[in-house]
């Protein structure tokens, strides 16, 4: 997994190499400024103050100020470039995640609610984006700082510099153990946050039951319990971070004290000047600072590693199978299910099912609840695949067809119509490729003009999420118009009249048959009122279809 993380980092560096090279150049310039600081400070003390040369002190002080200003300008430029790289990386990662999400099997969405999916993707993308954080990219600057700091220390006094080098393994051990604990806690946070998102989404989706059963207090207690678990882990993380910082500060303090003692002894023996001691302290910071940052990279990575692992696992999830062949919409002749079987665990809901559906057929499939009618629709649409048997269209196995191309053959009006939070027009013409006059003509023929005109802005009116500002019957009518606009050769209707009275149901079916008189219609229904609109009736029972005379 560590190799995969390194690979992600290398790919990011290559993708944004122009900006990263610019960042590296600024790090080199900043390191040169850092190297100059102790020299100027030493000169101020040994050449200026010791000799009481105010003009020299003044000139060197101005030079020191310019160096500080230059450092800050470099830091600002670094921050700007680093933020651009990080934001672009996260944006690209989210785009890749969204593309992957659209190709996943339907079972993934059945197992994870929308709140959980969104929270997980955004959290993991944001955490993974830190792999191109300024702290990691600046490793080159740290290396240069270590080299320049080491050279400065050795040139001043190689014996005293050994003291500084001895503290490096001490810092490493502190960070190593803290990073292990931090990684463990980060994994716990990810698990608990995911559980909370799933719980929260479940509550929002079931808000009617919460209100109906007066579950406010019970769900409030569950919320507090969920939050306490997350807050407890976050508290532990903050303490681990504090222990790490305190340990590092303590090591630096001990090193500084020992440097004062050693430096003071050398000054008293005339082997070092005051300016050289101060310069030595500055160089030791130039060395230990980058060393601390490099060692702390392990601690930093330990916090993002679990998110990277989860995102990599997400990208490895199985996608919907898709072949390469294509079929033109107008070429549809026949659809054959041959010995098709599908099971949920040990329960076979479709068992060696055989049926042939030809162009222009109008068929109804009836059966009791739970016998597999919805499963049959999902098999036809390629949302799930048979565990045995084959589905053919025009003699071709649908597994050999491009899935998106195959689904273009179908229009669907489901029992639970889904409408996007968008304009009415965009909900009718989902692909945004239909002529406006044609849309108006379809709407007029199917009697939804009254629905359109009652909305404030007609076709530009906002439809609330899932059509919350429309009745069930109105949503059903819009779904039919949307299906007609798609121009699929096969129309599947899943309980199409569930929201209609007898007269409205009859009118609805008359419009369907008229619009699809030369095309194929498959109706899943419990409503005997629509059976006189079809040519063939099949009963689904014990996983098999039986023709009803």
Protein backbone atom coordinates (compact mmCIF):
# COMPACT_ATOMS: atom_id res chain seq x y z
CA UNK A 1 0.00 0.00 0.00
CA UNK A 2 2.91 2.36 0.76
CA UNK A 3 4.15 1.79 -2.80
CA UNK A 4 0.73 2.77 -4.13
CA UNK A 5 0.86 5.98 -2.10
CA UNK A 6 4.30 6.77 -3.53
CA UNK A 7 2.94 6.03 -7.01
CA UNK A 8 0.06 8.47 -6.49
CA UNK A 9 2.54 11.13 -5.39
CA UNK A 10 4.81 10.54 -8.40
CA UNK A 11 1.82 10.65 -10.79
CA UNK A 12 0.72 13.95 -9.21
CA UNK A 13 4.24 15.39 -9.54
CA UNK A 14 4.37 14.43 -13.23
CA UNK A 15 0.85 15.80 -13.88
CA UNK A 16 1.60 19.20 -12.35
CA UNK A 17 5.35 19.23 -12.99
CA UNK A 18 5.42 22.83 -14.24
CA UNK A 19 4.06 24.31 -11.03
CA UNK A 20 5.94 21.85 -8.83
CA UNK A 21 9.24 22.73 -10.53
CA UNK A 22 8.46 26.41 -9.83
CA UNK A 23 7.79 25.51 -6.18
CA UNK A 24 11.12 23.63 -6.00
CA UNK A 25 12.97 26.66 -7.38
CA UNK A 26 11.41 28.89 -4.73
CA UNK A 27 12.47 26.38 -2.06
CA UNK A 28 16.08 26.58 -3.28
CA UNK A 29 15.98 30.39 -3.19
CA UNK A 30 14.42 30.31 0.28
CA UNK A 31 17.16 27.94 1.47
CA UNK A 32 19.82 30.38 0.26
CA UNK A 33 18.13 33.14 2.26
CA UNK A 34 18.08 30.83 5.29
CA UNK A 35 21.81 30.16 4.90
CA UNK A 36 22.54 33.90 4.79
CA UNK A 37 20.67 34.75 8.02
CA UNK A 38 23.20 33.34 10.53
CA UNK A 39 26.13 34.88 8.63
CA UNK A 40 24.54 38.35 8.76
CA UNK A 41 23.67 37.93 12.46
CA UNK A 42 27.24 36.85 13.24
CA UNK A 43 28.61 39.86 11.34
CA UNK A 44 26.30 42.25 13.24
CA UNK A 45 27.51 40.91 16.59
CA UNK A 46 31.21 40.28 15.91
CA UNK A 47 31.98 43.03 13.39
CA UNK A 48 29.39 45.64 14.36
CA UNK A 49 28.56 45.44 18.05
CA UNK A 50 31.95 44.19 19.22
CA UNK A 51 33.69 47.04 17.38
CA UNK A 52 30.90 49.55 18.09
CA UNK A 53 30.56 50.30 14.38
CA UNK A 54 26.99 51.66 14.11
CA UNK A 55 27.12 52.25 10.36
CA UNK A 56 28.10 48.61 9.80
CA UNK A 57 25.36 47.45 12.16
CA UNK A 58 22.83 49.63 10.32
CA UNK A 59 23.80 48.33 6.86
CA UNK A 60 23.82 44.69 7.94
CA UNK A 61 20.49 45.12 9.73
CA UNK A 62 18.91 46.53 6.55
CA UNK A 63 20.35 43.58 4.63
CA UNK A 64 18.90 41.20 7.23
CA UNK A 65 15.49 42.89 6.88
CA UNK A 66 15.62 42.52 3.09
CA UNK A 67 16.44 38.83 3.49
CA UNK A 68 13.45 38.39 5.85
CA UNK A 69 11.16 40.25 3.42
CA UNK A 70 12.45 38.09 0.56
CA UNK A 71 11.72 34.96 2.57
CA UNK A 72 8.13 36.01 3.24
CA UNK A 73 7.52 36.91 -0.41
CA UNK A 74 8.86 33.51 -1.39
CA UNK A 75 6.58 31.89 1.20
CA UNK A 76 3.54 33.68 -0.24
CA UNK A 77 4.41 32.59 -3.76
CA UNK A 78 4.97 29.01 -2.55
CA UNK A 79 1.59 29.01 -0.79
CA UNK A 80 -0.16 30.26 -3.94
CA UNK A 81 1.39 27.59 -6.18
CA UNK A 82 0.93 24.82 -3.61
CA UNK A 83 -2.74 25.69 -3.11
CA UNK A 84 -3.33 25.65 -6.88
CA UNK A 85 -1.69 22.22 -7.21
CA UNK A 86 -3.61 20.79 -4.25
CA UNK A 87 -6.98 22.18 -5.41
CA UNK A 88 -6.49 20.89 -8.95
CA UNK A 89 -5.43 17.49 -7.64
CA UNK A 90 -8.53 17.23 -5.41
CA UNK A 91 -10.77 18.44 -8.26
CA UNK A 92 -9.29 15.84 -10.63
CA UNK A 93 -9.64 13.16 -7.96
CA UNK A 94 -13.29 14.05 -7.36
CA UNK A 95 -13.92 13.99 -11.12
CA UNK A 96 -12.33 10.55 -11.34
CA UNK A 97 -14.34 9.39 -8.31
CA UNK A 98 -17.60 10.65 -9.84
CA UNK A 99 -16.85 8.90 -13.14
CA UNK A 100 -16.11 5.69 -11.25
CA UNK A 101 -19.27 6.08 -9.15
CA UNK A 102 -21.43 6.30 -12.29
CA UNK A 103 -20.06 2.94 -13.50
CA UNK A 104 -20.51 0.96 -10.29
CA UNK A 105 -23.05 -1.79 -9.98
CA UNK A 106 -26.46 -0.93 -8.59
CA UNK A 107 -25.82 -3.08 -5.50
CA UNK A 108 -23.26 -0.53 -4.29
CA UNK A 109 -25.98 2.12 -4.10
CA UNK A 110 -28.36 -0.33 -2.43
CA UNK A 111 -25.82 -0.94 0.34
CA UNK A 112 -24.74 2.70 0.84
CA UNK A 113 -27.07 5.68 1.17
CA UNK A 114 -26.39 8.99 -0.55
CA UNK A 115 -25.22 10.83 2.59
CA UNK A 116 -22.68 8.11 3.31
CA UNK A 117 -21.36 8.07 -0.27
CA UNK A 118 -20.98 11.85 -0.51
CA UNK A 119 -19.32 12.14 2.90
CA UNK A 120 -16.91 9.32 2.12
CA UNK A 121 -15.87 10.60 -1.29
CA UNK A 122 -15.37 14.22 -0.22
CA UNK A 123 -13.51 13.23 2.96
CA UNK A 124 -11.21 10.79 1.20
CA UNK A 125 -10.53 13.14 -1.74
CA UNK A 126 -9.70 16.00 0.63
CA UNK A 127 -7.41 13.83 2.76
CA UNK A 128 -5.77 12.21 -0.28
CA UNK A 129 -5.22 15.71 -1.71
CA UNK A 130 -2.84 16.35 1.15
CA UNK A 131 -0.36 14.04 -0.56
CA UNK A 132 0.55 17.09 -2.67
CA UNK A 133 0.43 19.35 0.37
CA UNK A 134 3.12 22.00 0.70
CA UNK A 135 4.64 20.08 3.61
CA UNK A 136 5.30 17.04 1.40
CA UNK A 137 6.39 18.92 -1.73
CA UNK A 138 8.82 20.97 0.39
CA UNK A 139 10.85 17.85 1.19
CA UNK A 140 13.43 19.10 -1.34
CA UNK A 141 13.66 22.36 0.57
CA UNK A 142 14.08 20.41 3.80
CA UNK A 143 16.91 18.41 2.28
CA UNK A 144 18.65 21.60 1.09
CA UNK A 145 18.10 23.18 4.52
CA UNK A 146 19.64 20.15 6.22
CA UNK A 147 22.67 20.28 3.95
CA UNK A 148 23.20 24.01 4.36
CA UNK A 149 22.60 23.80 8.12
CA UNK A 150 25.06 20.89 8.48
CA UNK A 151 27.72 22.74 6.49
CA UNK A 152 27.24 25.87 8.59
CA UNK A 153 27.50 23.89 11.88
CA UNK A 154 30.60 21.97 10.83
CA UNK A 155 32.32 25.13 9.61
CA UNK A 156 31.66 26.86 12.92
CA UNK A 157 32.59 23.95 15.21
CA UNK A 158 32.47 20.33 14.16
CA UNK A 159 32.67 19.00 17.73
CA UNK A 160 29.67 20.97 18.93
CA UNK A 161 27.76 19.95 15.81
CA UNK A 162 27.98 16.28 16.91
CA UNK A 163 25.69 17.21 19.81
CA UNK A 164 23.02 18.31 17.33
CA UNK A 165 23.34 15.17 15.21
CA UNK A 166 22.89 12.93 18.28
CA UNK A 167 19.38 14.31 18.85
CA UNK A 168 18.10 13.21 15.42
CA UNK A 169 17.37 9.54 16.38
CA UNK A 170 15.64 10.74 19.57
CA UNK A 171 13.24 12.85 17.49
CA UNK A 172 12.69 9.99 15.09
CA UNK A 173 11.66 7.57 17.84
CA UNK A 174 9.14 10.03 19.28
CA UNK A 175 7.52 10.68 15.90
CA UNK A 176 7.58 7.00 14.94
CA UNK A 177 5.55 5.84 17.93
CA UNK A 178 3.18 8.81 17.76
CA UNK A 179 2.54 8.19 14.02
CA UNK A 180 1.58 4.56 14.67
CA UNK A 181 -0.99 5.67 17.22
CA UNK A 182 -2.22 8.46 14.96
CA UNK A 183 -2.77 6.07 12.04
CA UNK A 184 -4.76 3.71 14.28
CA UNK A 185 -6.98 6.55 15.48
CA UNK A 186 -7.48 7.87 11.94
CA UNK A 187 -8.80 4.47 10.89
CA UNK A 188 -11.22 4.53 13.80
CA UNK A 189 -12.39 8.03 12.80
CA UNK A 190 -13.03 6.89 9.23
CA UNK A 191 -15.07 3.89 10.38
CA UNK A 192 -17.11 5.87 12.93
CA UNK A 193 -17.68 8.80 10.53
CA UNK A 194 -18.88 6.40 7.85
CA UNK A 195 -21.23 4.73 10.34
CA UNK A 196 -22.56 8.12 11.42
CA UNK A 197 -23.17 9.24 7.82
CA UNK A 198 -25.04 6.01 7.11
CA UNK A 199 -27.10 6.43 10.30
CA UNK A 200 -27.83 10.09 9.54
CA UNK A 201 -28.90 9.36 5.96
CA UNK A 202 -31.13 6.58 7.24
CA UNK A 203 -32.84 8.96 9.68
CA UNK A 204 -33.39 11.62 7.01
CA UNK A 205 -34.85 9.05 4.60
CA UNK A 206 -37.13 7.73 7.33
CA UNK A 207 -38.19 11.13 8.71
CA UNK A 208 -41.89 10.36 8.18
CA UNK A 209 -41.67 7.32 10.46
CA UNK A 210 -39.71 9.36 13.02
CA UNK A 211 -42.52 11.93 13.12
CA UNK A 212 -45.34 9.40 12.98
CA UNK A 213 -43.95 7.27 15.82
CA UNK A 214 -42.73 10.24 17.85
CA UNK A 215 -39.14 8.97 17.86
CA UNK A 216 -37.51 12.36 18.50
CA UNK A 217 -36.15 11.45 21.93
CA UNK A 218 -34.94 7.98 20.93
CA UNK A 219 -33.21 9.24 17.78
CA UNK A 220 -31.78 12.19 19.76
CA UNK A 221 -30.15 9.74 22.15
CA UNK A 222 -28.81 7.71 19.26
CA UNK A 223 -27.37 10.92 17.77
CA UNK A 224 -25.65 11.79 21.05
CA UNK A 225 -24.23 8.29 21.31
CA UNK A 226 -22.88 8.42 17.74
CA UNK A 227 -21.34 11.85 18.27
CA UNK A 228 -19.75 10.90 21.60
CA UNK A 229 -17.89 8.05 19.93
CA UNK A 230 -16.51 10.36 17.22
CA UNK A 231 -15.67 13.14 19.67
CA UNK A 232 -13.89 10.66 21.94
CA UNK A 233 -11.64 9.49 19.11
CA UNK A 234 -11.00 13.08 17.96
CA UNK A 235 -9.97 13.97 21.51
CA UNK A 236 -7.46 11.13 21.50
CA UNK A 237 -6.12 12.32 18.14
CA UNK A 238 -5.67 15.85 19.43
CA UNK A 239 -3.82 14.53 22.47
CA UNK A 240 -1.52 12.39 20.33
CA UNK A 241 -0.80 15.48 18.22
CA UNK A 242 -0.11 17.48 21.39
CA UNK A 243 2.20 14.76 22.75
CA UNK A 244 4.09 14.79 19.46
CA UNK A 245 4.51 18.59 19.51
CA UNK A 246 5.43 18.66 23.20
CA UNK A 247 7.99 15.91 22.72
CA UNK A 248 9.54 17.76 19.80
CA UNK A 249 9.58 21.06 21.72
CA UNK A 250 11.17 19.39 24.75
CA UNK A 251 13.93 17.85 22.62
CA UNK A 252 14.56 21.26 21.01
CA UNK A 253 14.68 22.92 24.45
CA UNK A 254 17.20 20.39 25.78
CA UNK A 255 19.30 20.80 22.64
CA UNK A 256 19.23 24.60 22.99
CA UNK A 257 20.27 24.44 26.66
CA UNK A 258 23.12 22.04 25.90
CA UNK A 259 24.20 24.28 23.00
CA UNK A 260 24.28 27.29 25.35
CA UNK A 261 26.33 25.31 27.85
CA UNK A 262 28.71 23.94 25.24
CA UNK A 263 28.88 27.21 23.34
CA UNK A 264 29.40 29.18 26.56
CA UNK A 265 32.28 26.93 27.56
CA UNK A 266 33.91 27.39 24.14
CA UNK A 267 33.43 31.18 24.37
CA UNK A 268 35.02 31.20 27.82
CA UNK A 269 37.98 29.32 26.38
CA UNK A 270 38.23 31.73 23.45
CA UNK A 271 37.42 29.09 20.85
CA UNK A 272 34.16 30.69 19.70
CA UNK A 273 32.86 34.25 19.54
CA UNK A 274 29.42 35.35 20.75
CA UNK A 275 28.33 35.91 17.18
CA UNK A 276 29.44 32.41 16.22
CA UNK A 277 27.42 30.93 19.11
CA UNK A 278 24.30 32.77 17.94
CA UNK A 279 25.02 31.73 14.35
CA UNK A 280 25.48 28.15 15.58
CA UNK A 281 22.05 28.25 17.26
CA UNK A 282 20.44 29.57 14.08
CA UNK A 283 22.16 26.91 11.97
CA UNK A 284 21.10 24.20 14.43
CA UNK A 285 17.50 25.35 13.95
CA UNK A 286 18.08 25.30 10.16
CA UNK A 287 19.19 21.69 10.54
CA UNK A 288 16.81 20.36 13.21
CA UNK A 289 13.78 22.17 11.74
CA UNK A 290 13.95 20.36 8.37
CA UNK A 291 14.91 17.10 10.11
CA UNK A 292 11.83 17.44 12.32
CA UNK A 293 9.69 18.19 9.26
CA UNK A 294 11.03 15.18 7.36
CA UNK A 295 10.58 12.89 10.36
CA UNK A 296 7.10 14.34 10.91
CA UNK A 297 6.17 13.37 7.35
CA UNK A 298 5.58 9.89 8.71
CA UNK A 299 3.21 11.35 11.29
CA UNK A 300 1.56 13.47 8.60
CA UNK A 301 1.16 10.53 6.20
CA UNK A 302 -0.21 8.32 8.98
CA UNK A 303 -3.18 10.69 9.19
CA UNK A 304 -4.03 10.49 5.49
CA UNK A 305 -2.99 6.91 4.74
CA UNK A 306 -6.32 5.28 5.77
CA UNK A 307 -8.26 7.67 3.47
CA UNK A 308 -5.89 6.94 0.59
CA UNK A 309 -6.31 3.20 1.15
CA UNK A 310 -10.10 3.50 1.19
CA UNK A 311 -10.07 5.60 -1.98
CA UNK A 312 -7.80 3.10 -3.75
CA UNK A 313 -10.16 0.31 -2.70
CA UNK A 314 -13.07 2.38 -4.08
CA UNK A 315 -11.36 2.61 -7.48
CA UNK A 316 -10.96 -1.17 -7.49
CA UNK A 317 -14.69 -1.87 -6.98
CA UNK A 318 -16.37 -3.91 -9.71
CA UNK A 319 -18.02 -1.89 -12.44
CA UNK A 320 -21.07 -2.85 -14.48
CA UNK A 321 -19.94 -5.32 -17.16
CA UNK A 322 -20.02 -3.91 -20.67
CA UNK A 323 -19.12 -5.34 -24.06
CA UNK A 324 -17.99 -3.60 -27.25
CA UNK A 325 -20.71 -4.28 -29.82
CA UNK A 326 -23.45 -1.75 -30.55
CA UNK A 327 -26.99 -2.00 -31.86
CA UNK A 328 -29.02 0.76 -33.49
CA UNK A 329 -32.25 1.73 -31.75
CA UNK A 330 -34.34 1.20 -34.86
CA UNK A 331 -32.83 -2.27 -35.50
CA UNK A 332 -34.59 -3.95 -32.57
CA UNK A 333 -36.36 -7.16 -33.65
CA UNK A 334 -36.58 -9.50 -30.68
CA UNK A 335 -35.55 -9.93 -27.05
CA UNK A 336 -35.07 -13.49 -25.74
CA UNK A 337 -34.46 -14.68 -22.19
CA UNK A 338 -33.10 -18.22 -22.30
CA UNK A 339 -32.91 -20.31 -19.11
CA UNK A 340 -32.32 -17.15 -17.06
CA UNK A 341 -31.80 -17.66 -13.34
CA UNK A 342 -31.23 -15.14 -10.55
CA UNK A 343 -31.09 -15.64 -6.79
CA UNK A 344 -30.73 -13.60 -3.63
CA UNK A 345 -28.56 -15.92 -1.58
CA UNK A 346 -30.28 -19.29 -1.62
CA UNK A 347 -33.62 -17.85 -2.74
CA UNK A 348 -34.13 -18.24 -6.49
CA UNK A 349 -36.59 -15.57 -7.59
CA UNK A 350 -36.01 -16.22 -11.30
CA UNK A 351 -35.52 -19.88 -12.17
CA UNK A 352 -34.72 -21.08 -15.71
CA UNK A 353 -37.05 -18.43 -17.13
CA UNK A 354 -37.69 -18.47 -20.88
CA UNK A 355 -39.58 -15.88 -22.89
CA UNK A 356 -39.43 -14.30 -26.34
CA UNK A 357 -40.52 -10.69 -26.85
CA UNK A 358 -40.80 -9.43 -30.43
CA UNK A 359 -40.96 -5.94 -31.86
CA UNK A 360 -44.46 -4.49 -31.49
CA UNK A 361 -45.53 -6.90 -28.73
CA UNK A 362 -47.72 -5.50 -26.00
CA UNK A 363 -47.35 -7.78 -22.99
CA UNK A 364 -48.28 -7.70 -19.33
CA UNK A 365 -46.51 -9.56 -16.54
CA UNK A 366 -48.60 -10.23 -13.45
CA UNK A 367 -47.88 -12.00 -10.19
CA UNK A 368 -47.98 -11.73 -6.42
CA UNK A 369 -45.74 -9.40 -4.45
CA UNK A 370 -42.21 -10.67 -4.02
CA UNK A 371 -42.25 -13.18 -6.89
CA UNK A 372 -39.48 -11.36 -8.82
CA UNK A 373 -41.19 -8.89 -11.15
CA UNK A 374 -38.87 -6.02 -10.17
CA UNK A 375 -35.89 -8.37 -10.42
CA UNK A 376 -36.95 -9.24 -13.97
CA UNK A 377 -36.97 -5.53 -14.89
CA UNK A 378 -33.48 -5.09 -13.44
CA UNK A 379 -32.26 -8.07 -15.47
CA UNK A 380 -33.75 -6.63 -18.66
CA UNK A 381 -32.12 -3.24 -18.02
CA UNK A 382 -28.74 -4.78 -17.17
CA UNK A 383 -28.69 -3.48 -13.59
CA UNK A 384 -28.04 -7.04 -12.43
CA UNK A 385 -26.71 -10.04 -14.35
CA UNK A 386 -28.14 -13.58 -14.42
CA UNK A 387 -26.24 -16.16 -12.39
CA UNK A 388 -27.17 -18.57 -15.16
CA UNK A 389 -28.74 -18.37 -18.60
CA UNK A 390 -28.50 -15.70 -21.29
CA UNK A 391 -30.39 -12.66 -22.51
CA UNK A 392 -30.27 -12.12 -26.27
CA UNK A 393 -31.28 -9.14 -28.35
CA UNK A 394 -31.43 -9.69 -32.10
CA UNK A 395 -29.48 -12.90 -31.46
CA UNK A 396 -26.64 -11.13 -29.64
CA UNK A 397 -25.77 -11.82 -26.03
CA UNK A 398 -26.34 -8.51 -24.22
CA UNK A 399 -23.04 -9.07 -22.37
CA UNK A 400 -21.31 -8.45 -25.70
CA UNK A 401 -23.05 -5.09 -26.19
CA UNK A 402 -21.96 -1.72 -24.86
CA UNK A 403 -24.18 -1.33 -21.81
CA UNK A 404 -25.01 2.34 -22.46
CA UNK A 405 -25.89 1.53 -26.06
CA UNK A 406 -28.10 -1.38 -24.98
CA UNK A 407 -30.00 0.73 -22.45
CA UNK A 408 -30.81 3.28 -25.15
CA UNK A 409 -33.32 0.72 -26.42
CA UNK A 410 -35.42 1.12 -23.27
CA UNK A 411 -37.69 3.78 -21.86
CA UNK A 412 -38.90 3.26 -18.31
CA UNK A 413 -41.81 4.55 -16.28
CA UNK A 414 -41.25 3.15 -12.81
CA UNK A 415 -43.63 2.92 -9.89
CA UNK A 416 -41.45 5.34 -7.92
CA UNK A 417 -40.69 8.08 -10.43
CA UNK A 418 -37.53 10.04 -9.68
CA UNK A 419 -37.39 13.70 -10.67
CA UNK A 420 -34.23 15.79 -10.29
CA UNK A 421 -34.15 19.12 -8.53
CA UNK A 422 -34.00 21.05 -11.79
CA UNK A 423 -36.28 22.79 -14.24
CA UNK A 424 -39.32 21.01 -15.65
CA UNK A 425 -37.76 21.12 -19.12
CA UNK A 426 -34.53 19.49 -17.92
CA UNK A 427 -36.55 16.76 -16.21
CA UNK A 428 -38.45 16.01 -19.41
CA UNK A 429 -35.45 16.11 -21.73
CA UNK A 430 -32.70 14.59 -19.59
CA UNK A 431 -30.13 14.51 -22.41
CA UNK A 432 -30.91 18.08 -23.50
CA UNK A 433 -31.00 17.07 -27.17
CA UNK A 434 -34.69 17.24 -28.13
CA UNK A 435 -36.29 20.02 -30.16
CA UNK A 436 -38.52 22.31 -28.05
CA UNK A 437 -41.41 22.08 -30.48
CA UNK A 438 -41.32 18.30 -30.30
CA UNK A 439 -41.34 18.43 -26.49
CA UNK A 440 -44.37 20.72 -26.51
CA UNK A 441 -46.13 18.43 -28.99
CA UNK A 442 -45.57 15.33 -26.81
CA UNK A 443 -46.74 17.22 -23.73
CA UNK A 444 -49.86 18.40 -25.51
CA UNK A 445 -50.74 14.93 -26.84
CA UNK A 446 -50.38 13.42 -23.38
CA UNK A 447 -52.42 16.01 -21.54
CA UNK A 448 -49.83 17.54 -19.25
CA UNK A 449 -50.26 21.13 -20.45
CA UNK A 450 -52.44 21.87 -17.38
CA UNK A 451 -49.58 20.70 -15.13
CA UNK A 452 -47.10 22.91 -16.97
CA UNK A 453 -49.29 26.01 -16.97
CA UNK A 454 -50.11 25.79 -13.28
CA UNK A 455 -46.39 26.12 -12.53
CA UNK A 456 -45.13 29.69 -12.20
CA UNK A 457 -42.56 29.66 -15.00
CA UNK A 458 -43.98 26.88 -17.21
CA UNK A 459 -41.12 24.77 -18.59
CA UNK A 460 -38.52 26.80 -16.65
CA UNK A 461 -40.23 26.16 -13.30
CA UNK A 462 -38.14 24.46 -10.64
CA UNK A 463 -39.14 20.92 -9.75
CA UNK A 464 -38.21 20.12 -6.17
CA UNK A 465 -36.14 17.06 -5.35
CA UNK A 466 -38.01 13.91 -6.41
CA UNK A 467 -40.95 16.09 -7.51
CA UNK A 468 -41.94 17.08 -3.99
CA UNK A 469 -44.08 19.93 -5.38
CA UNK A 470 -46.09 17.57 -7.62
CA UNK A 471 -48.69 14.87 -6.93
CA UNK A 472 -48.05 11.18 -7.59
CA UNK A 473 -50.21 11.21 -10.69
CA UNK A 474 -48.49 14.31 -12.04
CA UNK A 475 -45.07 12.70 -11.56
CA UNK A 476 -46.32 9.60 -13.39
CA UNK A 477 -47.50 11.70 -16.36
CA UNK A 478 -44.17 13.56 -16.54
CA UNK A 479 -42.35 10.23 -16.45
CA UNK A 480 -44.37 9.00 -19.42
CA UNK A 481 -43.56 12.14 -21.44
CA UNK A 482 -39.89 11.72 -20.52
CA UNK A 483 -40.01 8.10 -21.69
CA UNK A 484 -41.61 9.09 -25.00
CA UNK A 485 -39.02 11.85 -25.58
CA UNK A 486 -36.23 9.29 -25.11
CA UNK A 487 -37.66 7.34 -28.08
CA UNK A 488 -36.70 3.92 -26.77
CA UNK A 489 -37.94 0.96 -28.83
CA UNK A 490 -39.07 -0.89 -25.69
CA UNK A 491 -41.21 0.79 -23.05
CA UNK A 492 -41.27 -0.78 -19.59
CA UNK A 493 -44.08 0.28 -17.27
CA UNK A 494 -43.78 -0.72 -13.61
CA UNK A 495 -47.17 -0.44 -11.91
CA UNK A 496 -47.99 2.58 -14.12
CA UNK A 497 -51.53 3.13 -12.83
CA UNK A 498 -50.83 2.88 -9.09
CA UNK A 499 -51.50 6.62 -8.68
CA UNK A 500 -54.66 6.78 -10.84
CA UNK A 501 -58.37 6.19 -10.43
CA UNK A 502 -60.19 3.97 -12.94
CA UNK A 503 -60.94 6.72 -15.50
CA UNK A 504 -57.46 8.26 -15.30
CA UNK A 505 -55.83 4.82 -15.55
CA UNK A 506 -57.77 4.04 -18.71
CA UNK A 507 -56.87 7.40 -20.25
CA UNK A 508 -53.21 6.94 -19.31
CA UNK A 509 -53.01 3.49 -20.94
CA UNK A 510 -54.79 4.69 -24.09
CA UNK A 511 -52.13 7.38 -24.49
CA UNK A 512 -49.33 4.85 -23.92
CA UNK A 513 -50.65 2.42 -26.52
CA UNK A 514 -51.21 5.22 -29.03
CA UNK A 515 -47.68 6.59 -28.61
CA UNK A 516 -46.13 3.11 -28.80
CA UNK A 517 -48.43 1.45 -31.34
CA UNK A 518 -45.46 0.31 -33.48
CA UNK A 519 -43.13 -0.38 -30.57
CA UNK A 520 -42.83 -2.88 -27.74
CA UNK A 521 -44.51 -2.42 -24.37
CA UNK A 522 -43.82 -4.50 -21.24
CA UNK A 523 -46.17 -3.79 -18.33
CA UNK A 524 -45.57 -5.01 -14.78
CA UNK A 525 -48.89 -4.70 -13.00
CA UNK A 526 -51.38 -5.83 -10.37
CA UNK A 527 -54.11 -3.79 -12.03
CA UNK A 528 -56.50 -5.96 -14.05
CA UNK A 529 -57.90 -2.80 -15.64
CA UNK A 530 -54.90 -2.49 -17.97
CA UNK A 531 -54.87 -6.11 -19.16
CA UNK A 532 -57.31 -5.37 -22.00
CA UNK A 533 -54.69 -3.03 -23.49
CA UNK A 534 -52.15 -5.80 -24.16
CA UNK A 535 -51.81 -8.72 -26.57
CA UNK A 536 -50.15 -11.22 -24.24
CA UNK A 537 -50.33 -11.82 -20.49
CA UNK A 538 -47.74 -13.76 -18.50
CA UNK A 539 -47.95 -14.86 -14.88
CA UNK A 540 -44.68 -14.92 -12.92
CA UNK A 541 -44.71 -17.65 -10.32
CA UNK A 542 -41.93 -19.73 -8.75
CA UNK A 543 -39.39 -17.98 -10.96
CA UNK A 544 -41.06 -18.88 -14.28
CA UNK A 545 -43.34 -17.14 -16.75
CA UNK A 546 -46.53 -18.86 -17.79
CA UNK A 547 -48.74 -17.57 -20.60
CA UNK A 548 -52.27 -16.68 -19.51
CA UNK A 549 -55.02 -17.22 -22.08
